[in-house]
Amino acid sequence: MTAIETLTNSTLTIEPKLLKRWTVQDYHHMSELGILNPTERTELINGQIVLMAAKGTPHVTSLHLLANQLRDRLGNTALILTQDPIQLDDFSEPEPDLSIVRGTVLDYADLHPRPRDIYLIVEVASLTLKHDCEIKDKLYAEAGIADYWVLDLKNRQLHIFRHPISTGYTSHLILTEPNQVSPLAFPNLSIDLTSILPPVF
């Protein structure tokens, strides 16, 4: 194998300390200047700009089922956001698939929800299960998000992360059908797992 072939087949790894960490302000400025491609969905994770995976039909179906159920049952008690930004700190502005936050849409006319505003974050995973359960869980835990769910479409399971500390969640429960779950902030609201998963044909 030639040196060129070896280089082509290897994976380039850069030390994290050599990478520039972009701030939320940098990120917004790049978007305003047109540096970021408007056709590509991105989010800012720990100072790095990350491309988001495309949303398949099962993903969209589950997200609608969950969002509709929460809106119907919570009414004006809380605001349900889907694929909208939240700002965790100066270096992270993810766009979770769903979040339940305090207040009304007008409360966020000039800023995105912060951790103190957030009751629940949900990511719907078809191709992103590892990323959602091993990277985003630490991000949300560090921000103090008390209740974080990952809906695993492939295995028809719900990962429930709770009790955050600075290094991650100390509780990780995997729920299977036909069980039910309630958000920590709304214990009287029971959600049947099957009711938020795509039908099996």
N, C-alpha and C. Protein backbone atom coordinates (compact mmCIF):
# COMPACT_ATOMS: atom_id res chain seq x y z
N MET A 1 0.85 -1.19 0.00
CA MET A 1 0.00 0.00 0.00
C MET A 1 0.89 1.25 0.00
N THR A 2 0.59 2.17 -0.87
CA THR A 2 1.39 3.39 -0.96
C THR A 2 1.03 4.35 0.16
N ALA A 3 1.90 5.37 0.35
CA ALA A 3 1.65 6.37 1.38
C ALA A 3 0.36 7.12 1.10
N ILE A 4 0.09 7.38 -0.20
CA ILE A 4 -1.13 8.11 -0.56
C ILE A 4 -2.36 7.27 -0.23
N GLU A 5 -2.29 5.95 -0.52
CA GLU A 5 -3.41 5.06 -0.20
C GLU A 5 -3.63 4.99 1.31
N THR A 6 -2.55 4.95 2.07
CA THR A 6 -2.66 4.90 3.52
C THR A 6 -3.35 6.15 4.06
N LEU A 7 -2.95 7.30 3.54
CA LEU A 7 -3.55 8.56 3.97
C LEU A 7 -5.02 8.62 3.61
N THR A 8 -5.36 8.14 2.40
CA THR A 8 -6.74 8.18 1.93
C THR A 8 -7.65 7.31 2.78
N ASN A 9 -7.12 6.15 3.23
CA ASN A 9 -7.95 5.19 3.96
C ASN A 9 -7.97 5.43 5.46
N SER A 10 -7.19 6.39 5.94
CA SER A 10 -7.15 6.65 7.37
C SER A 10 -8.16 7.73 7.76
N THR A 11 -8.46 7.77 9.03
CA THR A 11 -9.37 8.79 9.55
C THR A 11 -8.55 9.87 10.25
N LEU A 12 -8.76 11.11 9.87
CA LEU A 12 -8.04 12.22 10.47
C LEU A 12 -8.73 12.62 11.77
N THR A 13 -7.97 12.60 12.85
CA THR A 13 -8.50 12.99 14.15
C THR A 13 -7.75 14.22 14.64
N ILE A 14 -8.49 15.24 15.03
CA ILE A 14 -7.90 16.48 15.51
C ILE A 14 -8.16 16.60 17.01
N GLU A 15 -7.13 16.94 17.74
CA GLU A 15 -7.29 17.13 19.18
C GLU A 15 -8.35 18.19 19.47
N PRO A 16 -9.29 17.90 20.36
CA PRO A 16 -10.34 18.88 20.67
C PRO A 16 -9.79 20.25 21.07
N LYS A 17 -8.65 20.28 21.77
CA LYS A 17 -8.11 21.56 22.21
C LYS A 17 -7.63 22.43 21.06
N LEU A 18 -7.46 21.82 19.85
CA LEU A 18 -7.02 22.58 18.68
C LEU A 18 -8.19 23.11 17.86
N LEU A 19 -9.40 22.72 18.22
CA LEU A 19 -10.59 23.17 17.50
C LEU A 19 -11.13 24.46 18.13
N LYS A 20 -11.55 25.38 17.27
CA LYS A 20 -12.17 26.61 17.79
C LYS A 20 -13.58 26.31 18.26
N ARG A 21 -13.92 26.82 19.42
CA ARG A 21 -15.29 26.69 19.92
C ARG A 21 -16.05 27.95 19.54
N TRP A 22 -17.11 27.77 18.75
CA TRP A 22 -17.94 28.90 18.35
C TRP A 22 -18.95 29.19 19.44
N THR A 23 -19.22 30.45 19.67
CA THR A 23 -20.25 30.84 20.62
C THR A 23 -21.60 30.92 19.91
N VAL A 24 -22.65 31.00 20.69
CA VAL A 24 -23.99 31.19 20.12
C VAL A 24 -24.02 32.48 19.31
N GLN A 25 -23.38 33.51 19.80
CA GLN A 25 -23.33 34.79 19.08
C GLN A 25 -22.60 34.63 17.74
N ASP A 26 -21.47 33.91 17.72
CA ASP A 26 -20.76 33.61 16.47
C ASP A 26 -21.67 32.88 15.50
N TYR A 27 -22.35 31.89 16.02
CA TYR A 27 -23.23 31.03 15.22
C TYR A 27 -24.33 31.84 14.55
N HIS A 28 -24.97 32.72 15.31
CA HIS A 28 -26.01 33.57 14.74
C HIS A 28 -25.44 34.53 13.69
N HIS A 29 -24.25 35.05 13.98
CA HIS A 29 -23.62 36.00 13.05
C HIS A 29 -23.28 35.31 11.73
N MET A 30 -22.79 34.08 11.79
CA MET A 30 -22.48 33.33 10.56
C MET A 30 -23.74 33.10 9.73
N SER A 31 -24.83 32.82 10.42
CA SER A 31 -26.11 32.63 9.72
C SER A 31 -26.56 33.92 9.05
N GLU A 32 -26.44 35.05 9.76
CA GLU A 32 -26.83 36.34 9.20
C GLU A 32 -25.99 36.72 7.98
N LEU A 33 -24.71 36.34 7.99
CA LEU A 33 -23.80 36.66 6.88
C LEU A 33 -23.93 35.69 5.71
N GLY A 34 -24.72 34.63 5.89
CA GLY A 34 -24.89 33.65 4.82
C GLY A 34 -23.76 32.65 4.73
N ILE A 35 -22.93 32.57 5.77
CA ILE A 35 -21.82 31.60 5.77
C ILE A 35 -22.36 30.18 5.90
N LEU A 36 -23.40 30.02 6.69
CA LEU A 36 -24.04 28.71 6.83
C LEU A 36 -25.04 28.53 5.70
N ASN A 37 -25.04 27.35 5.11
CA ASN A 37 -25.95 27.04 4.02
C ASN A 37 -27.38 26.96 4.56
N PRO A 38 -28.28 27.82 4.12
CA PRO A 38 -29.64 27.82 4.67
C PRO A 38 -30.43 26.55 4.37
N THR A 39 -29.96 25.76 3.41
CA THR A 39 -30.67 24.52 3.09
C THR A 39 -30.22 23.36 3.97
N GLU A 40 -29.17 23.57 4.76
CA GLU A 40 -28.67 22.52 5.66
C GLU A 40 -29.09 22.84 7.09
N ARG A 41 -29.72 21.87 7.75
CA ARG A 41 -30.12 22.06 9.15
C ARG A 41 -28.92 21.78 10.05
N THR A 42 -28.60 22.75 10.88
CA THR A 42 -27.47 22.61 11.79
C THR A 42 -27.89 22.96 13.21
N GLU A 43 -27.05 22.59 14.16
CA GLU A 43 -27.22 23.02 15.54
C GLU A 43 -25.84 23.19 16.15
N LEU A 44 -25.76 24.00 17.17
CA LEU A 44 -24.49 24.27 17.85
C LEU A 44 -24.40 23.41 19.10
N ILE A 45 -23.42 22.51 19.11
CA ILE A 45 -23.23 21.59 20.23
C ILE A 45 -21.84 21.77 20.81
N ASN A 46 -21.77 22.30 22.01
CA ASN A 46 -20.50 22.48 22.71
C ASN A 46 -19.47 23.22 21.85
N GLY A 47 -19.93 24.26 21.17
CA GLY A 47 -19.03 25.09 20.38
C GLY A 47 -18.75 24.59 18.98
N GLN A 48 -19.33 23.45 18.59
CA GLN A 48 -19.12 22.89 17.25
C GLN A 48 -20.43 22.91 16.46
N ILE A 49 -20.35 23.26 15.18
CA ILE A 49 -21.53 23.29 14.32
C ILE A 49 -21.74 21.90 13.74
N VAL A 50 -22.89 21.32 14.04
CA VAL A 50 -23.17 19.93 13.69
C VAL A 50 -24.32 19.86 12.70
N LEU A 51 -24.13 19.06 11.63
CA LEU A 51 -25.21 18.82 10.68
C LEU A 51 -26.24 17.89 11.30
N MET A 52 -27.50 18.19 11.09
CA MET A 52 -28.56 17.36 11.64
C MET A 52 -29.03 16.34 10.61
N ALA A 53 -29.40 15.16 11.08
CA ALA A 53 -29.84 14.09 10.20
C ALA A 53 -31.19 14.42 9.57
N ALA A 54 -31.39 13.90 8.36
CA ALA A 54 -32.68 14.08 7.68
C ALA A 54 -33.77 13.35 8.45
N LYS A 55 -35.00 13.86 8.37
CA LYS A 55 -36.12 13.29 9.10
C LYS A 55 -36.93 12.38 8.19
N GLY A 56 -36.93 11.08 8.47
CA GLY A 56 -37.72 10.14 7.69
C GLY A 56 -39.18 10.16 8.11
N THR A 57 -39.99 9.43 7.36
CA THR A 57 -41.43 9.40 7.62
C THR A 57 -41.79 8.90 9.02
N PRO A 58 -41.19 7.80 9.52
CA PRO A 58 -41.51 7.36 10.88
C PRO A 58 -41.17 8.42 11.93
N HIS A 59 -40.07 9.13 11.72
CA HIS A 59 -39.65 10.18 12.63
C HIS A 59 -40.72 11.28 12.69
N VAL A 60 -41.15 11.72 11.53
CA VAL A 60 -42.15 12.79 11.45
C VAL A 60 -43.47 12.33 12.07
N THR A 61 -43.85 11.09 11.80
CA THR A 61 -45.09 10.55 12.34
C THR A 61 -45.08 10.55 13.87
N SER A 62 -44.01 10.02 14.46
CA SER A 62 -43.92 9.96 15.92
C SER A 62 -43.90 11.34 16.55
N LEU A 63 -43.19 12.26 15.92
CA LEU A 63 -43.12 13.61 16.45
C LEU A 63 -44.50 14.26 16.47
N HIS A 64 -45.25 14.09 15.39
CA HIS A 64 -46.61 14.65 15.34
C HIS A 64 -47.51 13.99 16.38
N LEU A 65 -47.42 12.67 16.51
CA LEU A 65 -48.26 11.97 17.49
C LEU A 65 -48.00 12.48 18.90
N LEU A 66 -46.71 12.63 19.26
CA LEU A 66 -46.37 13.08 20.59
C LEU A 66 -46.77 14.54 20.81
N ALA A 67 -46.44 15.39 19.85
CA ALA A 67 -46.74 16.83 20.00
C ALA A 67 -48.25 17.06 20.08
N ASN A 68 -49.02 16.38 19.24
CA ASN A 68 -50.47 16.57 19.26
C ASN A 68 -51.07 16.11 20.58
N GLN A 69 -50.58 14.99 21.09
CA GLN A 69 -51.10 14.48 22.36
C GLN A 69 -50.78 15.44 23.51
N LEU A 70 -49.57 15.95 23.53
CA LEU A 70 -49.19 16.87 24.60
C LEU A 70 -49.98 18.18 24.51
N ARG A 71 -50.14 18.71 23.30
CA ARG A 71 -50.90 19.97 23.15
C ARG A 71 -52.35 19.78 23.56
N ASP A 72 -52.94 18.66 23.18
CA ASP A 72 -54.33 18.40 23.53
C ASP A 72 -54.52 18.31 25.04
N ARG A 73 -53.57 17.70 25.72
CA ARG A 73 -53.74 17.40 27.13
C ARG A 73 -53.19 18.48 28.06
N LEU A 74 -52.21 19.23 27.61
CA LEU A 74 -51.66 20.29 28.45
C LEU A 74 -52.31 21.64 28.21
N GLY A 75 -52.89 21.82 27.03
CA GLY A 75 -53.54 23.08 26.72
C GLY A 75 -52.60 24.26 26.88
N ASN A 76 -53.02 25.26 27.67
CA ASN A 76 -52.21 26.44 27.90
C ASN A 76 -51.29 26.33 29.12
N THR A 77 -51.22 25.14 29.70
CA THR A 77 -50.39 24.94 30.88
C THR A 77 -48.90 25.12 30.57
N ALA A 78 -48.51 24.75 29.35
CA ALA A 78 -47.12 24.86 28.93
C ALA A 78 -47.08 25.02 27.42
N LEU A 79 -45.91 25.38 26.92
CA LEU A 79 -45.71 25.57 25.48
C LEU A 79 -44.96 24.36 24.92
N ILE A 80 -45.49 23.78 23.84
CA ILE A 80 -44.86 22.64 23.18
C ILE A 80 -44.13 23.15 21.94
N LEU A 81 -42.82 22.96 21.90
CA LEU A 81 -42.02 23.37 20.75
C LEU A 81 -41.52 22.14 20.01
N THR A 82 -41.51 22.20 18.68
CA THR A 82 -40.98 21.10 17.89
C THR A 82 -39.88 21.61 16.97
N GLN A 83 -38.70 21.01 17.12
CA GLN A 83 -37.52 21.31 16.30
C GLN A 83 -37.19 22.80 16.31
N ASP A 84 -37.34 23.41 17.48
CA ASP A 84 -37.00 24.82 17.68
C ASP A 84 -35.77 24.92 18.58
N PRO A 85 -34.98 25.99 18.43
CA PRO A 85 -33.75 26.11 19.22
C PRO A 85 -34.03 26.37 20.69
N ILE A 86 -33.14 25.85 21.51
CA ILE A 86 -33.06 26.21 22.91
C ILE A 86 -31.60 26.58 23.18
N GLN A 87 -31.34 27.50 24.09
CA GLN A 87 -29.96 27.87 24.40
C GLN A 87 -29.58 27.35 25.77
N LEU A 88 -28.63 26.41 25.78
CA LEU A 88 -28.21 25.80 27.04
C LEU A 88 -27.17 26.64 27.76
N ASP A 89 -26.25 27.24 26.99
CA ASP A 89 -25.21 28.10 27.54
C ASP A 89 -24.64 28.92 26.39
N ASP A 90 -23.46 29.52 26.55
CA ASP A 90 -22.88 30.35 25.51
C ASP A 90 -22.36 29.55 24.32
N PHE A 91 -22.26 28.21 24.44
CA PHE A 91 -21.66 27.39 23.39
C PHE A 91 -22.58 26.31 22.83
N SER A 92 -23.79 26.23 23.30
CA SER A 92 -24.69 25.18 22.82
C SER A 92 -26.10 25.71 22.57
N GLU A 93 -26.54 25.53 21.33
CA GLU A 93 -27.91 25.88 20.95
C GLU A 93 -28.47 24.73 20.10
N PRO A 94 -28.84 23.63 20.75
CA PRO A 94 -29.41 22.51 20.01
C PRO A 94 -30.85 22.79 19.59
N GLU A 95 -31.34 21.95 18.70
CA GLU A 95 -32.73 22.03 18.25
C GLU A 95 -33.39 20.68 18.50
N PRO A 96 -33.78 20.39 19.73
CA PRO A 96 -34.38 19.09 20.02
C PRO A 96 -35.68 18.89 19.25
N ASP A 97 -36.01 17.62 19.04
CA ASP A 97 -37.24 17.34 18.30
C ASP A 97 -38.46 17.91 19.00
N LEU A 98 -38.48 17.82 20.32
CA LEU A 98 -39.61 18.38 21.07
C LEU A 98 -39.13 18.86 22.43
N SER A 99 -39.69 19.97 22.86
CA SER A 99 -39.44 20.42 24.23
C SER A 99 -40.73 21.00 24.80
N ILE A 100 -40.91 20.78 26.09
CA ILE A 100 -42.00 21.41 26.82
C ILE A 100 -41.38 22.50 27.67
N VAL A 101 -41.86 23.73 27.48
CA VAL A 101 -41.26 24.86 28.20
C VAL A 101 -42.35 25.69 28.90
N ARG A 102 -41.91 26.51 29.83
CA ARG A 102 -42.82 27.38 30.56
C ARG A 102 -43.35 28.50 29.67
N GLY A 103 -44.52 29.03 30.02
CA GLY A 103 -45.01 30.26 29.41
C GLY A 103 -45.69 30.09 28.07
N THR A 104 -45.65 31.16 27.29
CA THR A 104 -46.28 31.20 25.97
C THR A 104 -45.25 31.58 24.92
N VAL A 105 -45.65 31.52 23.67
CA VAL A 105 -44.72 31.82 22.58
C VAL A 105 -44.19 33.25 22.67
N LEU A 106 -44.97 34.17 23.19
CA LEU A 106 -44.54 35.56 23.29
C LEU A 106 -43.44 35.76 24.33
N ASP A 107 -43.31 34.82 25.25
CA ASP A 107 -42.23 34.91 26.24
C ASP A 107 -40.87 34.70 25.60
N TYR A 108 -40.86 34.17 24.38
CA TYR A 108 -39.60 33.87 23.69
C TYR A 108 -39.47 34.65 22.39
N ALA A 109 -40.05 35.84 22.38
CA ALA A 109 -40.00 36.68 21.19
C ALA A 109 -38.60 37.22 20.93
N ASP A 110 -37.78 37.38 21.97
CA ASP A 110 -36.45 37.96 21.78
C ASP A 110 -35.32 37.08 22.30
N LEU A 111 -35.64 35.86 22.74
CA LEU A 111 -34.61 34.92 23.17
C LEU A 111 -35.18 33.52 23.18
N HIS A 112 -34.30 32.54 23.03
CA HIS A 112 -34.73 31.14 23.04
C HIS A 112 -34.86 30.66 24.49
N PRO A 113 -35.65 29.60 24.71
CA PRO A 113 -35.74 29.06 26.07
C PRO A 113 -34.38 28.66 26.63
N ARG A 114 -34.20 28.90 27.93
CA ARG A 114 -33.00 28.51 28.65
C ARG A 114 -33.32 27.32 29.54
N PRO A 115 -32.31 26.67 30.11
CA PRO A 115 -32.58 25.49 30.96
C PRO A 115 -33.62 25.72 32.04
N ARG A 116 -33.64 26.90 32.64
CA ARG A 116 -34.60 27.18 33.72
C ARG A 116 -36.05 27.16 33.22
N ASP A 117 -36.23 27.29 31.89
CA ASP A 117 -37.57 27.34 31.30
C ASP A 117 -38.08 25.97 30.88
N ILE A 118 -37.22 24.95 30.90
CA ILE A 118 -37.52 23.68 30.23
C ILE A 118 -38.00 22.61 31.21
N TYR A 119 -39.17 22.03 30.90
CA TYR A 119 -39.70 20.91 31.67
C TYR A 119 -39.20 19.57 31.15
N LEU A 120 -39.17 19.43 29.83
CA LEU A 120 -38.85 18.13 29.21
C LEU A 120 -38.25 18.36 27.83
N ILE A 121 -37.25 17.53 27.49
CA ILE A 121 -36.71 17.51 26.13
C ILE A 121 -36.86 16.09 25.59
N VAL A 122 -37.28 15.97 24.33
CA VAL A 122 -37.43 14.67 23.68
C VAL A 122 -36.70 14.70 22.34
N GLU A 123 -35.86 13.69 22.11
CA GLU A 123 -35.27 13.46 20.80
C GLU A 123 -35.88 12.18 20.23
N VAL A 124 -36.24 12.21 18.95
CA VAL A 124 -36.76 11.03 18.26
C VAL A 124 -35.61 10.46 17.43
N ALA A 125 -35.26 9.20 17.71
CA ALA A 125 -34.07 8.61 17.09
C ALA A 125 -34.43 7.48 16.13
N SER A 126 -34.01 7.65 14.89
CA SER A 126 -34.07 6.55 13.95
C SER A 126 -32.64 6.13 13.60
N LEU A 127 -31.81 7.11 13.19
CA LEU A 127 -30.40 6.86 12.88
C LEU A 127 -29.46 7.50 13.90
N THR A 128 -30.00 8.18 14.90
CA THR A 128 -29.17 8.99 15.79
C THR A 128 -29.19 8.50 17.24
N LEU A 129 -29.52 7.24 17.47
CA LEU A 129 -29.69 6.75 18.84
C LEU A 129 -28.41 6.91 19.66
N LYS A 130 -27.28 6.51 19.11
CA LYS A 130 -26.01 6.60 19.84
C LYS A 130 -25.69 8.06 20.18
N HIS A 131 -25.86 8.95 19.22
CA HIS A 131 -25.59 10.37 19.43
C HIS A 131 -26.51 10.95 20.51
N ASP A 132 -27.78 10.58 20.45
CA ASP A 132 -28.76 11.12 21.40
C ASP A 132 -28.55 10.57 22.81
N CYS A 133 -28.12 9.30 22.91
CA CYS A 133 -27.98 8.66 24.22
C CYS A 133 -26.59 8.78 24.83
N GLU A 134 -25.59 9.13 24.03
CA GLU A 134 -24.22 9.15 24.55
C GLU A 134 -23.53 10.50 24.43
N ILE A 135 -24.11 11.41 23.68
CA ILE A 135 -23.53 12.75 23.56
C ILE A 135 -24.52 13.80 24.06
N LYS A 136 -25.72 13.79 23.49
CA LYS A 136 -26.69 14.79 23.91
C LYS A 136 -27.15 14.59 25.35
N ASP A 137 -27.13 13.37 25.83
CA ASP A 137 -27.53 13.16 27.23
C ASP A 137 -26.58 13.91 28.17
N LYS A 138 -25.29 13.89 27.87
CA LYS A 138 -24.32 14.59 28.71
C LYS A 138 -24.49 16.11 28.59
N LEU A 139 -24.79 16.56 27.39
CA LEU A 139 -25.02 17.99 27.16
C LEU A 139 -26.21 18.48 27.98
N TYR A 140 -27.32 17.74 27.92
CA TYR A 140 -28.52 18.15 28.64
C TYR A 140 -28.35 17.99 30.15
N ALA A 141 -27.65 16.94 30.57
CA ALA A 141 -27.41 16.76 32.00
C ALA A 141 -26.58 17.89 32.57
N GLU A 142 -25.52 18.26 31.86
CA GLU A 142 -24.65 19.35 32.32
C GLU A 142 -25.43 20.65 32.46
N ALA A 143 -26.43 20.84 31.60
CA ALA A 143 -27.26 22.05 31.66
C ALA A 143 -28.32 21.96 32.75
N GLY A 144 -28.46 20.79 33.38
CA GLY A 144 -29.42 20.64 34.47
C GLY A 144 -30.83 20.31 34.03
N ILE A 145 -31.00 19.80 32.79
CA ILE A 145 -32.33 19.41 32.31
C ILE A 145 -32.78 18.18 33.10
N ALA A 146 -33.86 18.30 33.85
CA ALA A 146 -34.26 17.25 34.78
C ALA A 146 -34.86 16.02 34.11
N ASP A 147 -35.44 16.20 32.93
CA ASP A 147 -36.20 15.13 32.29
C ASP A 147 -35.86 15.11 30.80
N TYR A 148 -35.21 14.04 30.34
CA TYR A 148 -34.79 13.93 28.93
C TYR A 148 -35.17 12.54 28.43
N TRP A 149 -35.91 12.52 27.29
CA TRP A 149 -36.34 11.26 26.70
C TRP A 149 -35.76 11.09 25.30
N VAL A 150 -35.47 9.84 24.95
CA VAL A 150 -35.07 9.50 23.58
C VAL A 150 -36.01 8.39 23.10
N LEU A 151 -36.79 8.69 22.08
CA LEU A 151 -37.72 7.72 21.53
C LEU A 151 -37.01 6.93 20.43
N ASP A 152 -36.73 5.68 20.70
CA ASP A 152 -36.00 4.79 19.79
C ASP A 152 -37.00 4.10 18.88
N LEU A 153 -37.08 4.57 17.63
CA LEU A 153 -38.08 4.05 16.71
C LEU A 153 -37.78 2.62 16.26
N LYS A 154 -36.52 2.31 16.03
CA LYS A 154 -36.14 0.99 15.53
C LYS A 154 -36.52 -0.11 16.51
N ASN A 155 -36.24 0.09 17.78
CA ASN A 155 -36.50 -0.92 18.80
C ASN A 155 -37.80 -0.70 19.56
N ARG A 156 -38.52 0.37 19.18
CA ARG A 156 -39.81 0.70 19.79
C ARG A 156 -39.68 0.77 21.32
N GLN A 157 -38.72 1.60 21.75
CA GLN A 157 -38.44 1.79 23.16
C GLN A 157 -38.31 3.27 23.46
N LEU A 158 -38.46 3.60 24.74
CA LEU A 158 -38.26 4.98 25.18
C LEU A 158 -37.18 4.99 26.26
N HIS A 159 -36.10 5.73 26.00
CA HIS A 159 -35.03 5.91 26.99
C HIS A 159 -35.39 7.14 27.83
N ILE A 160 -35.41 6.98 29.13
CA ILE A 160 -35.78 8.05 30.05
C ILE A 160 -34.57 8.38 30.92
N PHE A 161 -34.05 9.59 30.77
CA PHE A 161 -32.88 10.04 31.53
C PHE A 161 -33.34 11.05 32.58
N ARG A 162 -32.94 10.80 33.84
CA ARG A 162 -33.31 11.70 34.92
C ARG A 162 -32.19 11.80 35.96
N HIS A 163 -32.34 12.74 36.88
CA HIS A 163 -31.36 13.00 37.94
C HIS A 163 -30.00 13.40 37.35
N PRO A 164 -29.94 14.58 36.76
CA PRO A 164 -28.70 15.03 36.12
C PRO A 164 -27.65 15.47 37.15
N ILE A 165 -26.38 15.18 36.83
CA ILE A 165 -25.24 15.77 37.51
C ILE A 165 -24.33 16.32 36.42
N SER A 166 -23.23 16.92 36.78
CA SER A 166 -22.39 17.61 35.79
C SER A 166 -21.80 16.68 34.74
N THR A 167 -21.69 15.38 35.05
CA THR A 167 -21.07 14.43 34.11
C THR A 167 -22.08 13.56 33.37
N GLY A 168 -23.36 13.69 33.67
CA GLY A 168 -24.36 12.88 32.99
C GLY A 168 -25.56 12.63 33.88
N TYR A 169 -26.45 11.76 33.41
CA TYR A 169 -27.63 11.40 34.20
C TYR A 169 -27.33 10.17 35.05
N THR A 170 -27.81 10.17 36.27
CA THR A 170 -27.59 9.02 37.15
C THR A 170 -28.71 7.99 37.04
N SER A 171 -29.77 8.33 36.33
CA SER A 171 -30.87 7.38 36.12
C SER A 171 -31.16 7.27 34.63
N HIS A 172 -31.14 6.03 34.12
CA HIS A 172 -31.44 5.76 32.71
C HIS A 172 -32.34 4.53 32.67
N LEU A 173 -33.63 4.76 32.41
CA LEU A 173 -34.63 3.71 32.35
C LEU A 173 -35.03 3.50 30.90
N ILE A 174 -35.18 2.24 30.48
CA ILE A 174 -35.64 1.93 29.12
C ILE A 174 -37.04 1.35 29.23
N LEU A 175 -37.99 2.05 28.63
CA LEU A 175 -39.40 1.66 28.69
C LEU A 175 -39.77 0.91 27.42
N THR A 176 -40.51 -0.19 27.57
CA THR A 176 -40.97 -0.97 26.42
C THR A 176 -42.50 -0.97 26.38
N GLU A 177 -43.04 -1.33 25.22
CA GLU A 177 -44.50 -1.46 25.10
C GLU A 177 -45.00 -2.60 25.98
N PRO A 178 -46.19 -2.50 26.54
CA PRO A 178 -47.22 -1.47 26.41
C PRO A 178 -47.22 -0.49 27.58
N ASN A 179 -46.08 -0.18 28.13
CA ASN A 179 -46.01 0.65 29.33
C ASN A 179 -46.34 2.12 29.05
N GLN A 180 -46.53 2.86 30.16
CA GLN A 180 -46.84 4.28 30.09
C GLN A 180 -45.78 5.07 30.83
N VAL A 181 -45.69 6.36 30.50
CA VAL A 181 -44.73 7.24 31.14
C VAL A 181 -45.38 8.60 31.38
N SER A 182 -44.93 9.29 32.40
CA SER A 182 -45.41 10.64 32.70
C SER A 182 -44.22 11.58 32.80
N PRO A 183 -44.31 12.79 32.24
CA PRO A 183 -43.25 13.78 32.46
C PRO A 183 -43.13 14.10 33.95
N LEU A 184 -41.92 14.33 34.40
CA LEU A 184 -41.70 14.67 35.80
C LEU A 184 -42.54 15.87 36.23
N ALA A 185 -42.62 16.86 35.36
CA ALA A 185 -43.33 18.10 35.70
C ALA A 185 -44.85 17.94 35.67
N PHE A 186 -45.32 16.87 35.02
CA PHE A 186 -46.77 16.66 34.88
C PHE A 186 -47.11 15.20 35.21
N PRO A 187 -47.02 14.83 36.47
CA PRO A 187 -47.18 13.41 36.85
C PRO A 187 -48.56 12.84 36.58
N ASN A 188 -49.56 13.68 36.42
CA ASN A 188 -50.91 13.19 36.14
C ASN A 188 -51.16 12.95 34.66
N LEU A 189 -50.18 13.25 33.83
CA LEU A 189 -50.31 13.07 32.39
C LEU A 189 -49.59 11.77 32.01
N SER A 190 -50.35 10.74 31.73
CA SER A 190 -49.77 9.45 31.35
C SER A 190 -49.79 9.28 29.84
N ILE A 191 -48.64 8.90 29.29
CA ILE A 191 -48.52 8.71 27.84
C ILE A 191 -48.24 7.24 27.57
N ASP A 192 -49.07 6.62 26.77
CA ASP A 192 -48.88 5.23 26.37
C ASP A 192 -47.83 5.18 25.27
N LEU A 193 -46.79 4.38 25.46
CA LEU A 193 -45.69 4.33 24.49
C LEU A 193 -46.18 3.99 23.09
N THR A 194 -47.08 3.03 22.98
CA THR A 194 -47.57 2.62 21.66
C THR A 194 -48.25 3.77 20.93
N SER A 195 -48.87 4.68 21.68
CA SER A 195 -49.64 5.77 21.07
C SER A 195 -48.74 6.83 20.41
N ILE A 196 -47.43 6.80 20.67
CA ILE A 196 -46.54 7.79 20.05
C ILE A 196 -45.54 7.14 19.11
N LEU A 197 -45.74 5.85 18.82
CA LEU A 197 -44.88 5.15 17.86
C LEU A 197 -45.65 4.92 16.56
N PRO A 198 -44.94 4.87 15.42
CA PRO A 198 -45.64 4.59 14.15
C PRO A 198 -46.30 3.22 14.20
N PRO A 199 -47.43 3.06 13.53
CA PRO A 199 -48.09 1.74 13.53
C PRO A 199 -47.23 0.69 12.85
N VAL A 200 -47.39 -0.53 13.29
CA VAL A 200 -46.67 -1.66 12.69
C VAL A 200 -47.57 -2.26 11.62
N PHE A 201 -47.07 -2.31 10.39
CA PHE A 201 -47.88 -2.85 9.29
C PHE A 201 -47.49 -4.28 8.97
